[in-house]
Amino acid sequence: MIKQVTDPNGNKHLIEVDKDLEWLAPFLSEAKKAGIPVWRIDRIVGYFVPEGKVEAQHAALNKEGNSKAVITILKKRQVLVGRDGMIMLDGYSDADQGSNYEFTLNSLAHELSHLVEWDHTADRLIIESKLMVRFAKLAKRRGYTGYDG
């Protein structure tokens, strides 16, 4: 999916969004309304951690110099279960399902906040938190009611 955004000078920019994460597009619009320079994003790439590997990172924002940013974010989370004293992979759960929905929005808010404040400072955390409030309100307007768990 291609999401078009306009910067403050009226220039149009295209953001390529992974097909499994297209549901995040309205949240990019919400972030733009909050003053986040989303036009600095080139693409949002979804990924999942293969069997035999452990999820150690849930999202990242990669940017070099003046180039546009690339956000990578989990589109499928590992479902782990305990069996015979071992933790085993029992499959995958989509990013927009159950508790992953909130987790994915939080990851997106975190990475978007880095477009304004690169370091992990209190100011960046405030930006992330404000984004999450906006995202939660948008999610509620779109019918999100929570999850069991």
C-alpha atoms as a PDB file:
ATOM      1  CA  MET A   1       0.000   0.000   0.000  1.00  0.00           C
ATOM      2  CA  ILE A   2       1.178   3.525  -0.710  1.00  0.00           C
ATOM      3  CA  LYS A   3       0.188   6.267   1.742  1.00  0.00           C
ATOM      4  CA  GLN A   4       0.501   9.829   0.468  1.00  0.00           C
ATOM      5  CA  VAL A   5       1.321  12.615   2.938  1.00  0.00           C
ATOM      6  CA  THR A   6       1.998  16.307   2.479  1.00  0.00           C
ATOM      7  CA  ASP A   7       4.736  18.226   4.270  1.00  0.00           C
ATOM      8  CA  PRO A   8       4.258  21.793   5.621  1.00  0.00           C
ATOM      9  CA  ASN A   9       5.534  23.234   2.308  1.00  0.00           C
ATOM     10  CA  GLY A  10       2.846  21.423   0.329  1.00  0.00           C
ATOM     11  CA  ASN A  11       5.194  18.815  -1.144  1.00  0.00           C
ATOM     12  CA  LYS A  12       3.689  15.365  -1.527  1.00  0.00           C
ATOM     13  CA  HIS A  13       5.550  12.305  -0.231  1.00  0.00           C
ATOM     14  CA  LEU A  14       4.787   8.616  -0.604  1.00  0.00           C
ATOM     15  CA  ILE A  15       5.164   6.094   2.213  1.00  0.00           C
ATOM     16  CA  GLU A  16       5.197   2.434   1.256  1.00  0.00           C
ATOM     17  CA  VAL A  17       3.402   0.348   3.899  1.00  0.00           C
ATOM     18  CA  ASP A  18       3.696  -3.448   4.143  1.00  0.00           C
ATOM     19  CA  LYS A  19       0.422  -5.069   3.046  1.00  0.00           C
ATOM     20  CA  ASP A  20       0.107  -6.838   6.411  1.00  0.00           C
ATOM     21  CA  LEU A  21       0.395  -3.496   8.224  1.00  0.00           C
ATOM     22  CA  GLU A  22      -1.943  -1.410   6.046  1.00  0.00           C
ATOM     23  CA  TRP A  23      -4.244  -1.079   9.050  1.00  0.00           C
ATOM     24  CA  LEU A  24      -1.643   1.330  10.527  1.00  0.00           C
ATOM     25  CA  ALA A  25      -2.213   3.969   7.801  1.00  0.00           C
ATOM     26  CA  PRO A  26      -4.899   5.915   9.733  1.00  0.00           C
ATOM     27  CA  PHE A  27      -2.512   6.072  12.688  1.00  0.00           C
ATOM     28  CA  LEU A  28       0.123   7.708  10.479  1.00  0.00           C
ATOM     29  CA  SER A  29      -2.456  10.366   9.606  1.00  0.00           C
ATOM     30  CA  GLU A  30      -3.163  10.823  13.310  1.00  0.00           C
ATOM     31  CA  ALA A  31       0.561  11.180  14.035  1.00  0.00           C
ATOM     32  CA  LYS A  32       0.836  13.848  11.334  1.00  0.00           C
ATOM     33  CA  LYS A  33      -2.013  15.780  13.002  1.00  0.00           C
ATOM     34  CA  ALA A  34       0.006  15.588  16.231  1.00  0.00           C
ATOM     35  CA  GLY A  35       2.953  17.284  14.530  1.00  0.00           C
ATOM     36  CA  ILE A  36       5.071  14.214  13.782  1.00  0.00           C
ATOM     37  CA  PRO A  37       6.955  14.687  10.475  1.00  0.00           C
ATOM     38  CA  VAL A  38       5.721  11.445   8.919  1.00  0.00           C
ATOM     39  CA  TRP A  39       6.817  12.683   5.471  1.00  0.00           C
ATOM     40  CA  ARG A  40      10.332  11.746   6.606  1.00  0.00           C
ATOM     41  CA  ILE A  41       9.388   8.056   6.365  1.00  0.00           C
ATOM     42  CA  ASP A  42      10.192   6.139   3.190  1.00  0.00           C
ATOM     43  CA  ARG A  43       8.482   2.886   4.132  1.00  0.00           C
ATOM     44  CA  ILE A  44       7.142   0.699   6.909  1.00  0.00           C
ATOM     45  CA  VAL A  45       8.356  -2.869   6.571  1.00  0.00           C
ATOM     46  CA  GLY A  46       6.775  -5.801   8.376  1.00  0.00           C
ATOM     47  CA  TYR A  47       8.760  -8.797   9.539  1.00  0.00           C
ATOM     48  CA  PHE A  48       8.526 -11.818  11.791  1.00  0.00           C
ATOM     49  CA  VAL A  49      11.125 -13.779  13.698  1.00  0.00           C
ATOM     50  CA  PRO A  50      11.546 -17.318  12.320  1.00  0.00           C
ATOM     51  CA  GLU A  51      11.334 -20.480  14.390  1.00  0.00           C
ATOM     52  CA  GLY A  52      14.526 -21.109  16.339  1.00  0.00           C
ATOM     53  CA  LYS A  53      15.117 -17.389  16.920  1.00  0.00           C
ATOM     54  CA  VAL A  54      13.895 -15.303  19.845  1.00  0.00           C
ATOM     55  CA  GLU A  55      12.036 -12.004  19.424  1.00  0.00           C
ATOM     56  CA  ALA A  56      14.482  -9.510  20.890  1.00  0.00           C
ATOM     57  CA  GLN A  57      13.290  -6.399  19.107  1.00  0.00           C
ATOM     58  CA  HIS A  58       9.746  -5.443  18.187  1.00  0.00           C
ATOM     59  CA  ALA A  59      10.336  -2.440  15.963  1.00  0.00           C
ATOM     60  CA  ALA A  60      13.116  -0.137  14.799  1.00  0.00           C
ATOM     61  CA  LEU A  61      13.590   3.136  12.988  1.00  0.00           C
ATOM     62  CA  ASN A  62      16.596   3.214  10.688  1.00  0.00           C
ATOM     63  CA  LYS A  63      17.856   6.474   9.277  1.00  0.00           C
ATOM     64  CA  GLU A  64      21.198   7.576   7.928  1.00  0.00           C
ATOM     65  CA  GLY A  65      22.019  11.236   7.440  1.00  0.00           C
ATOM     66  CA  ASN A  66      19.373  13.132   5.489  1.00  0.00           C
ATOM     67  CA  SER A  67      17.844  10.006   3.994  1.00  0.00           C
ATOM     68  CA  LYS A  68      14.254   9.093   4.727  1.00  0.00           C
ATOM     69  CA  ALA A  69      13.558   6.720   7.588  1.00  0.00           C
ATOM     70  CA  VAL A  70      12.557   3.082   7.358  1.00  0.00           C
ATOM     71  CA  ILE A  71      10.445   1.675  10.171  1.00  0.00           C
ATOM     72  CA  THR A  72      10.541  -2.085  10.641  1.00  0.00           C
ATOM     73  CA  ILE A  73       7.838  -3.520  12.844  1.00  0.00           C
ATOM     74  CA  LEU A  74       6.693  -7.024  13.757  1.00  0.00           C
ATOM     75  CA  LYS A  75       3.747  -8.088  11.631  1.00  0.00           C
ATOM     76  CA  LYS A  76       3.535 -11.493  13.297  1.00  0.00           C
ATOM     77  CA  ARG A  77       4.416 -12.218  16.923  1.00  0.00           C
ATOM     78  CA  GLN A  78       5.576 -15.543  18.222  1.00  0.00           C
ATOM     79  CA  VAL A  79       3.085 -17.488  20.332  1.00  0.00           C
ATOM     80  CA  LEU A  80       5.072 -19.353  22.971  1.00  0.00           C
ATOM     81  CA  VAL A  81       3.802 -22.145  25.220  1.00  0.00           C
ATOM     82  CA  GLY A  82       5.365 -24.159  27.987  1.00  0.00           C
ATOM     83  CA  ARG A  83       5.682 -27.916  27.409  1.00  0.00           C
ATOM     84  CA  ASP A  84       7.609 -30.364  29.541  1.00  0.00           C
ATOM     85  CA  GLY A  85       9.537 -27.564  31.230  1.00  0.00           C
ATOM     86  CA  MET A  86      10.500 -26.027  27.883  1.00  0.00           C
ATOM     87  CA  ILE A  87       9.247 -22.917  26.136  1.00  0.00           C
ATOM     88  CA  MET A  88       8.198 -23.834  22.612  1.00  0.00           C
ATOM     89  CA  LEU A  89       6.962 -21.898  19.580  1.00  0.00           C
ATOM     90  CA  ASP A  90       3.283 -22.682  19.003  1.00  0.00           C
ATOM     91  CA  GLY A  91       2.767 -20.516  15.928  1.00  0.00           C
ATOM     92  CA  TYR A  92       2.313 -16.858  15.129  1.00  0.00           C
ATOM     93  CA  SER A  93      -0.295 -14.200  15.833  1.00  0.00           C
ATOM     94  CA  ASP A  94      -0.951 -11.227  13.538  1.00  0.00           C
ATOM     95  CA  ALA A  95       0.002  -7.740  14.696  1.00  0.00           C
ATOM     96  CA  ASP A  96      -3.605  -6.538  14.679  1.00  0.00           C
ATOM     97  CA  GLN A  97      -4.989  -9.415  16.773  1.00  0.00           C
ATOM     98  CA  GLY A  98      -5.601  -9.501  20.522  1.00  0.00           C
ATOM     99  CA  SER A  99      -3.015  -7.834  22.719  1.00  0.00           C
ATOM    100  CA  ASN A 100      -0.709  -7.474  19.702  1.00  0.00           C
ATOM    101  CA  TYR A 101      -2.935  -4.634  18.465  1.00  0.00           C
ATOM    102  CA  GLU A 102      -2.003  -2.430  21.416  1.00  0.00           C
ATOM    103  CA  PHE A 103       1.575  -3.637  21.409  1.00  0.00           C
ATOM    104  CA  THR A 104       1.971  -2.757  17.716  1.00  0.00           C
ATOM    105  CA  LEU A 105       0.467   0.701  18.213  1.00  0.00           C
ATOM    106  CA  ASN A 106       2.836   1.287  21.105  1.00  0.00           C
ATOM    107  CA  SER A 107       5.797   0.193  18.963  1.00  0.00           C
ATOM    108  CA  LEU A 108       4.687   2.531  16.161  1.00  0.00           C
ATOM    109  CA  ALA A 109       4.309   5.451  18.586  1.00  0.00           C
ATOM    110  CA  HIS A 110       7.773   4.746  19.980  1.00  0.00           C
ATOM    111  CA  GLU A 111       9.436   4.718  16.556  1.00  0.00           C
ATOM    112  CA  LEU A 112       7.523   7.773  15.324  1.00  0.00           C
ATOM    113  CA  SER A 113       8.627   9.720  18.403  1.00  0.00           C
ATOM    114  CA  HIS A 114      12.223   9.200  17.259  1.00  0.00           C
ATOM    115  CA  LEU A 115      11.474  11.340  14.195  1.00  0.00           C
ATOM    116  CA  VAL A 116      11.243  14.281  16.605  1.00  0.00           C
ATOM    117  CA  GLU A 117      13.673  13.288  19.375  1.00  0.00           C
ATOM    118  CA  TRP A 118      16.301  10.716  18.469  1.00  0.00           C
ATOM    119  CA  ASP A 119      17.611   9.915  21.957  1.00  0.00           C
ATOM    120  CA  HIS A 120      15.672   8.103  24.655  1.00  0.00           C
ATOM    121  CA  THR A 121      14.922  11.172  26.736  1.00  0.00           C
ATOM    122  CA  ALA A 122      12.006  12.212  28.914  1.00  0.00           C
ATOM    123  CA  ASP A 123      10.911  14.570  26.109  1.00  0.00           C
ATOM    124  CA  ARG A 124      10.793  11.669  23.631  1.00  0.00           C
ATOM    125  CA  LEU A 125       8.783   9.610  26.106  1.00  0.00           C
ATOM    126  CA  ILE A 126       6.280  12.463  26.434  1.00  0.00           C
ATOM    127  CA  ILE A 127       5.886  12.560  22.643  1.00  0.00           C
ATOM    128  CA  GLU A 128       5.386   8.779  22.552  1.00  0.00           C
ATOM    129  CA  SER A 129       2.822   8.943  25.355  1.00  0.00           C
ATOM    130  CA  LYS A 130       0.848  11.714  23.664  1.00  0.00           C
ATOM    131  CA  LEU A 131       0.819   9.686  20.457  1.00  0.00           C
ATOM    132  CA  MET A 132      -0.500   6.648  22.327  1.00  0.00           C
ATOM    133  CA  VAL A 133      -3.382   8.694  23.752  1.00  0.00           C
ATOM    134  CA  ARG A 134      -4.266   9.859  20.242  1.00  0.00           C
ATOM    135  CA  PHE A 135      -3.892   6.313  18.881  1.00  0.00           C
ATOM    136  CA  ALA A 136      -6.124   4.897  21.640  1.00  0.00           C
ATOM    137  CA  LYS A 137      -8.838   7.452  20.879  1.00  0.00           C
ATOM    138  CA  LEU A 138      -8.641   6.672  17.162  1.00  0.00           C
ATOM    139  CA  ALA A 139      -8.726   2.927  17.861  1.00  0.00           C
ATOM    140  CA  LYS A 140     -11.848   3.414  19.977  1.00  0.00           C
ATOM    141  CA  ARG A 141     -13.521   5.470  17.223  1.00  0.00           C
ATOM    142  CA  ARG A 142     -12.675   2.658  14.784  1.00  0.00           C
ATOM    143  CA  GLY A 143     -14.397   0.084  17.024  1.00  0.00           C
ATOM    144  CA  TYR A 144     -11.536  -1.319  19.113  1.00  0.00           C
ATOM    145  CA  THR A 145     -12.892  -2.554  22.451  1.00  0.00           C
ATOM    146  CA  GLY A 146      -9.915  -4.316  23.976  1.00  0.00           C
ATOM    147  CA  TYR A 147      -8.912  -7.943  24.294  1.00  0.00           C
ATOM    148  CA  ASP A 148      -9.321 -10.867  26.681  1.00  0.00           C
ATOM    149  CA  GLY A 149      -6.240 -11.873  28.493  1.00  0.00           C
END
